Amino acid sequence: MAKPESVMTWVVVIIFVTSAAVFYLMGGEELVLHGSSDGAVSTISVAGSTTVLPLAEACAGEFNQKQNDVIVTVTGGGTDVGLKRLASGTADIAMASRRVDEPDLGGQLAEHRIARDAISIVVSPPIREAGIDDLSREQLRAIYSGEMKSWKELGGPDREIIAVSRSSGSGTGEIFSERVATPGAAVYRESSAEVEEYVAGSDRAIGYLGLNLARDEGLATIAYEGVSPSAQTVKDGSYPLARTLYMYTLGQPDDEERAFLDFVTGEEGQAIAEELGFVPVST
């Protein structure tokens, strides 16, 4: 019977040999998930618009896989949150679903156009099925002001209209307020995904979303001012609520930030944008 000391000795030997073999098979290189030759890893923090969020997340995932020197992290919160984090230094890049002119940032913002989009008007499927397939600006303003309270007034079912809007700080909400109406009677949601969920889960709601989220099978997209939102109507300028999406840096980006921005606006990033339902910025 082997002595305990002998057993432990063999265990140590086996561990050592196994480790050496693995090290040899790996070419003597250290196993590192991300990092440069000296082991240092830089990070880029991206924050802001929940409309831009899916595109930024998808691009960051691909970018992180293609190189070992920089890790890009992405969080939402809305356009204003991203700008505040950029100003405070807790984010390197801010995502925005509207064009930004912020005097309190001292005119330091550098603008980077990353995609084109449209604010789509969406309704609960039962409302679309009842025949509501197009709304004018006047009708939409009456709905969001609370002046129009029932779908029956528009030829739809005798149901209360629930108007869903984005909370303060949303770039999408600001464009809607500027071009259509400032909501005065509405259910407010913090993110585009929450608007999508609410409208899809209701039998009488209306809301507004970017093109990519409006593709959800649980939603019904309707025309606005006689024009349906689509990549084509964004490209040809016929859709009234078309817009550009942005990323912002404080001053010109450093080399690492530039590398990520170039990826987003380059061939690969723009292909991702198109796949997600956005319109490439170059078209």
Protein backbone atom coordinates (compact mmCIF):
# COMPACT_ATOMS: atom_id res chain seq x y z
CA MET A 1 0.00 0.00 0.00
CA ALA A 2 1.43 3.36 -1.04
CA LYS A 3 2.23 5.83 1.68
CA PRO A 4 0.29 9.12 1.75
CA GLU A 5 3.54 11.01 1.19
CA SER A 6 4.20 9.05 -2.00
CA VAL A 7 0.69 9.64 -3.32
CA MET A 8 1.00 13.40 -2.79
CA THR A 9 4.37 13.42 -4.51
CA TRP A 10 2.91 11.76 -7.61
CA VAL A 11 -0.05 14.18 -7.63
CA VAL A 12 2.34 17.12 -7.64
CA VAL A 13 4.42 15.55 -10.42
CA ILE A 14 1.32 14.89 -12.57
CA ILE A 15 0.08 18.48 -12.14
CA PHE A 16 3.50 19.85 -13.06
CA VAL A 17 3.83 17.68 -16.16
CA THR A 18 0.31 18.45 -17.32
CA SER A 19 0.84 22.20 -16.89
CA ALA A 20 4.13 22.04 -18.76
CA ALA A 21 2.52 20.13 -21.63
CA VAL A 22 -0.28 22.67 -21.95
CA PHE A 23 2.22 25.52 -21.86
CA TYR A 24 4.29 23.80 -24.58
CA LEU A 25 1.27 23.18 -26.82
CA MET A 26 0.29 26.84 -26.50
CA GLY A 27 3.71 27.87 -27.75
CA GLY A 28 4.78 29.16 -24.37
CA GLU A 29 2.27 32.02 -24.55
CA GLU A 30 0.07 33.17 -21.71
CA LEU A 31 -3.67 32.61 -22.17
CA VAL A 32 -5.22 36.08 -22.27
CA LEU A 33 -8.76 36.88 -23.36
CA HIS A 34 -8.02 40.49 -24.28
CA GLY A 35 -4.81 42.43 -24.03
CA SER A 36 -1.84 43.87 -25.83
CA SER A 37 1.68 42.43 -25.81
CA ASP A 38 2.43 44.06 -22.46
CA GLY A 39 -0.82 42.79 -20.92
CA ALA A 40 -2.44 46.24 -20.78
CA VAL A 41 -6.05 46.58 -21.91
CA SER A 42 -7.75 49.86 -22.73
CA THR A 43 -11.48 50.34 -22.34
CA ILE A 44 -13.93 52.59 -24.16
CA SER A 45 -17.24 53.35 -22.48
CA VAL A 46 -20.19 54.14 -24.74
CA ALA A 47 -23.50 55.36 -23.26
CA GLY A 48 -26.74 57.03 -24.24
CA SER A 49 -29.58 56.57 -26.72
CA THR A 50 -31.61 53.38 -26.39
CA THR A 51 -32.41 53.68 -30.10
CA VAL A 52 -28.72 53.46 -30.98
CA LEU A 53 -28.06 50.86 -28.26
CA PRO A 54 -28.65 47.68 -30.36
CA LEU A 55 -26.33 48.93 -33.11
CA ALA A 56 -23.62 49.99 -30.67
CA GLU A 57 -23.82 46.67 -28.79
CA ALA A 58 -23.60 44.61 -31.98
CA CYS A 59 -20.66 46.66 -33.30
CA ALA A 60 -18.87 46.51 -29.94
CA GLY A 61 -19.24 42.73 -29.86
CA GLU A 62 -17.65 42.35 -33.30
CA PHE A 63 -14.98 44.97 -32.64
CA ASN A 64 -13.96 43.31 -29.35
CA GLN A 65 -13.58 39.96 -31.11
CA LYS A 66 -11.36 41.36 -33.87
CA GLN A 67 -8.59 42.83 -31.72
CA ASN A 68 -7.02 42.41 -28.29
CA ASP A 69 -6.05 45.92 -27.29
CA VAL A 70 -9.39 47.60 -26.55
CA ILE A 71 -12.62 46.51 -24.90
CA VAL A 72 -15.73 48.55 -25.72
CA THR A 73 -18.60 48.51 -23.21
CA VAL A 74 -22.07 49.87 -24.01
CA THR A 75 -24.94 51.03 -21.77
CA GLY A 76 -28.20 52.87 -22.53
CA GLY A 77 -30.07 55.41 -20.44
CA GLY A 78 -31.15 57.83 -23.17
CA THR A 79 -29.48 60.57 -25.19
CA ASP A 80 -29.29 63.07 -22.31
CA VAL A 81 -27.78 60.47 -19.96
CA GLY A 82 -25.07 59.73 -22.51
CA LEU A 83 -24.24 63.43 -22.88
CA LYS A 84 -24.09 63.92 -19.11
CA ARG A 85 -21.77 60.94 -18.75
CA LEU A 86 -19.60 62.26 -21.57
CA ALA A 87 -19.38 65.67 -19.90
CA SER A 88 -18.52 64.13 -16.52
CA GLY A 89 -15.83 61.89 -17.98
CA THR A 90 -17.59 58.63 -17.09
CA ALA A 91 -18.20 57.85 -20.77
CA ASP A 92 -15.87 58.24 -23.74
CA ILE A 93 -18.55 58.25 -26.43
CA ALA A 94 -22.18 59.38 -26.19
CA MET A 95 -24.91 57.87 -28.39
CA ALA A 96 -27.62 60.26 -29.56
CA SER A 97 -30.82 59.79 -31.53
CA ARG A 98 -30.95 63.51 -32.35
CA ARG A 99 -28.43 66.11 -33.37
CA VAL A 100 -26.88 67.73 -30.32
CA ASP A 101 -25.85 71.31 -29.74
CA GLU A 102 -24.90 71.63 -26.10
CA PRO A 103 -23.55 75.08 -25.14
CA ASP A 104 -22.81 73.88 -21.62
CA LEU A 105 -20.20 71.50 -23.05
CA GLY A 106 -18.25 74.48 -24.29
CA GLY A 107 -18.64 73.67 -27.96
CA GLN A 108 -16.25 70.75 -27.53
CA LEU A 109 -18.46 68.10 -29.08
CA ALA A 110 -17.17 66.25 -32.13
CA GLU A 111 -20.02 64.79 -34.16
CA HIS A 112 -19.94 61.37 -35.84
CA ARG A 113 -22.86 60.30 -38.06
CA ILE A 114 -23.35 56.55 -37.70
CA ALA A 115 -26.68 55.65 -39.36
CA ARG A 116 -30.01 56.95 -40.60
CA ASP A 117 -33.36 56.06 -39.13
CA ALA A 118 -37.03 56.99 -38.95
CA ILE A 119 -39.38 57.55 -36.04
CA SER A 120 -42.12 55.05 -36.84
CA ILE A 121 -45.67 55.38 -35.55
CA VAL A 122 -46.80 52.04 -34.14
CA VAL A 123 -50.14 50.83 -32.79
CA SER A 124 -51.41 47.70 -31.10
CA PRO A 125 -52.27 45.09 -33.77
CA PRO A 126 -56.05 45.11 -33.03
CA ILE A 127 -56.11 48.83 -33.85
CA ARG A 128 -54.37 48.30 -37.20
CA GLU A 129 -56.69 45.39 -37.96
CA ALA A 130 -59.68 47.65 -37.29
CA GLY A 131 -58.61 49.90 -40.15
CA ILE A 132 -56.32 52.54 -38.59
CA ASP A 133 -53.45 52.52 -41.06
CA ASP A 134 -52.53 56.19 -41.54
CA LEU A 135 -52.56 59.27 -39.32
CA SER A 136 -51.97 62.93 -40.15
CA ARG A 137 -49.96 65.31 -38.03
CA GLU A 138 -53.17 66.98 -36.83
CA GLN A 139 -54.66 63.65 -35.76
CA LEU A 140 -51.49 62.62 -33.97
CA ARG A 141 -51.30 65.97 -32.17
CA ALA A 142 -54.91 65.57 -31.05
CA ILE A 143 -54.13 62.10 -29.71
CA TYR A 144 -51.03 63.13 -27.76
CA SER A 145 -52.59 66.30 -26.38
CA GLY A 146 -55.47 64.26 -25.00
CA GLU A 147 -57.99 66.07 -27.18
CA MET A 148 -58.85 62.85 -29.01
CA LYS A 149 -59.63 60.11 -26.51
CA SER A 150 -61.25 57.21 -28.41
CA TRP A 151 -60.27 55.25 -31.49
CA LYS A 152 -63.92 55.50 -32.50
CA GLU A 153 -63.30 59.14 -33.46
CA LEU A 154 -60.94 57.88 -36.16
CA GLY A 155 -63.21 55.13 -37.43
CA GLY A 156 -61.75 52.47 -35.19
CA PRO A 157 -63.15 50.49 -32.25
CA ASP A 158 -64.89 52.11 -29.30
CA ARG A 159 -61.79 51.93 -27.07
CA GLU A 160 -59.82 54.48 -25.14
CA ILE A 161 -56.62 55.63 -26.84
CA ILE A 162 -53.53 55.04 -24.74
CA ALA A 163 -50.71 57.24 -26.06
CA VAL A 164 -47.26 55.99 -25.08
CA SER A 165 -44.36 58.43 -25.07
CA ARG A 166 -40.69 58.51 -24.11
CA SER A 167 -39.68 60.06 -20.80
CA SER A 168 -37.70 63.29 -20.53
CA GLY A 169 -34.13 62.99 -21.78
CA SER A 170 -34.95 60.91 -24.85
CA GLY A 171 -33.64 62.15 -28.20
CA THR A 172 -36.46 60.32 -29.97
CA GLY A 173 -38.97 62.02 -27.66
CA GLU A 174 -37.47 65.44 -28.35
CA ILE A 175 -37.72 65.01 -32.13
CA PHE A 176 -41.33 63.83 -31.77
CA SER A 177 -42.12 66.90 -29.67
CA GLU A 178 -40.46 69.25 -32.17
CA ARG A 179 -41.95 67.80 -35.35
CA VAL A 180 -45.30 66.43 -34.18
CA ALA A 181 -46.54 67.33 -30.70
CA THR A 182 -45.42 67.70 -27.11
CA PRO A 183 -47.23 64.93 -25.22
CA GLY A 184 -49.66 66.27 -22.67
CA ALA A 185 -51.61 63.10 -21.91
CA ALA A 186 -49.55 59.96 -22.24
CA VAL A 187 -48.04 56.92 -20.60
CA TYR A 188 -44.29 57.50 -20.30
CA ARG A 189 -41.57 54.87 -20.70
CA GLU A 190 -37.83 55.15 -20.12
CA SER A 191 -36.60 53.23 -23.17
CA SER A 192 -37.62 52.34 -26.70
CA ALA A 193 -37.80 48.67 -25.71
CA GLU A 194 -40.32 49.54 -22.98
CA VAL A 195 -42.48 51.45 -25.48
CA GLU A 196 -42.34 48.45 -27.80
CA GLU A 197 -43.37 46.08 -25.01
CA TYR A 198 -46.26 48.27 -23.85
CA VAL A 199 -47.78 48.82 -27.30
CA ALA A 200 -47.37 45.19 -28.33
CA GLY A 201 -49.05 44.02 -25.12
CA SER A 202 -52.06 46.32 -25.41
CA ASP A 203 -55.20 46.30 -27.55
CA ARG A 204 -55.53 50.10 -27.80
CA ALA A 205 -52.11 51.78 -27.56
CA ILE A 206 -50.08 53.99 -29.88
CA GLY A 207 -46.41 54.91 -29.63
CA TYR A 208 -43.33 55.83 -31.63
CA LEU A 209 -40.09 53.89 -32.21
CA GLY A 210 -37.04 53.68 -34.42
CA LEU A 211 -37.23 51.57 -37.59
CA ASN A 212 -35.42 48.57 -36.12
CA LEU A 213 -37.77 48.06 -33.17
CA ALA A 214 -40.86 48.82 -35.26
CA ARG A 215 -40.16 45.57 -37.15
CA ASP A 216 -41.31 43.55 -34.14
CA GLU A 217 -44.02 41.07 -35.16
CA GLY A 218 -46.10 42.07 -32.15
CA LEU A 219 -46.46 45.63 -33.42
CA ALA A 220 -48.30 47.25 -36.31
CA THR A 221 -46.59 50.12 -38.12
CA ILE A 222 -48.82 52.70 -39.77
CA ALA A 223 -48.23 55.49 -42.28
CA TYR A 224 -47.71 59.08 -41.18
CA GLU A 225 -48.90 61.87 -43.47
CA GLY A 226 -49.57 59.23 -46.13
CA VAL A 227 -46.01 57.81 -46.12
CA SER A 228 -44.93 54.53 -44.53
CA PRO A 229 -41.58 54.43 -42.72
CA SER A 230 -39.01 52.29 -44.53
CA ALA A 231 -35.40 52.26 -45.60
CA GLN A 232 -36.47 53.52 -49.01
CA THR A 233 -38.56 56.45 -47.74
CA VAL A 234 -35.69 57.43 -45.45
CA LYS A 235 -33.26 57.35 -48.37
CA ASP A 236 -35.47 59.34 -50.73
CA GLY A 237 -36.45 61.86 -48.04
CA SER A 238 -40.20 61.34 -48.41
CA TYR A 239 -40.83 60.18 -44.83
CA PRO A 240 -41.40 63.26 -42.61
CA LEU A 241 -39.88 61.75 -39.47
CA ALA A 242 -36.58 60.55 -40.95
CA ARG A 243 -33.49 61.39 -38.89
CA THR A 244 -29.77 60.76 -38.46
CA LEU A 245 -28.24 58.90 -35.51
CA TYR A 246 -24.98 60.04 -33.94
CA MET A 247 -22.07 59.31 -31.65
CA TYR A 248 -20.29 62.20 -29.93
CA THR A 249 -16.88 62.63 -28.37
CA LEU A 250 -15.48 65.53 -26.34
CA GLY A 251 -13.12 66.98 -28.88
CA GLN A 252 -11.54 64.82 -31.54
CA PRO A 253 -11.39 61.11 -30.61
CA ASP A 254 -8.12 59.52 -29.56
CA ASP A 255 -6.67 56.67 -31.62
CA GLU A 256 -8.61 53.93 -29.84
CA GLU A 257 -11.92 55.79 -29.97
CA ARG A 258 -11.26 56.57 -33.64
CA ALA A 259 -10.67 52.88 -34.35
CA PHE A 260 -14.09 51.96 -32.94
CA LEU A 261 -15.87 54.86 -34.68
CA ASP A 262 -14.21 53.87 -37.96
CA PHE A 263 -15.47 50.33 -37.45
CA VAL A 264 -19.05 51.54 -36.83
CA THR A 265 -19.07 53.78 -39.90
CA GLY A 266 -17.05 51.40 -42.06
CA GLU A 267 -18.20 48.54 -44.25
CA GLU A 268 -18.66 46.01 -41.45
CA GLY A 269 -20.42 48.36 -39.06
CA GLN A 270 -22.77 49.67 -41.74
CA ALA A 271 -23.61 46.11 -42.77
CA ILE A 272 -24.56 45.44 -39.14
CA ALA A 273 -26.67 48.62 -39.14
CA GLU A 274 -28.57 47.50 -42.23
CA GLU A 275 -29.09 43.99 -40.85
CA LEU A 276 -30.61 45.47 -37.68
CA GLY A 277 -33.06 47.64 -39.63
CA PHE A 278 -31.19 50.94 -39.72
CA VAL A 279 -30.23 52.74 -42.94
CA PRO A 280 -26.50 52.98 -43.68
CA VAL A 281 -25.24 56.51 -43.31
CA SER A 282 -23.51 56.40 -46.69
CA THR A 283 -26.77 55.88 -48.65
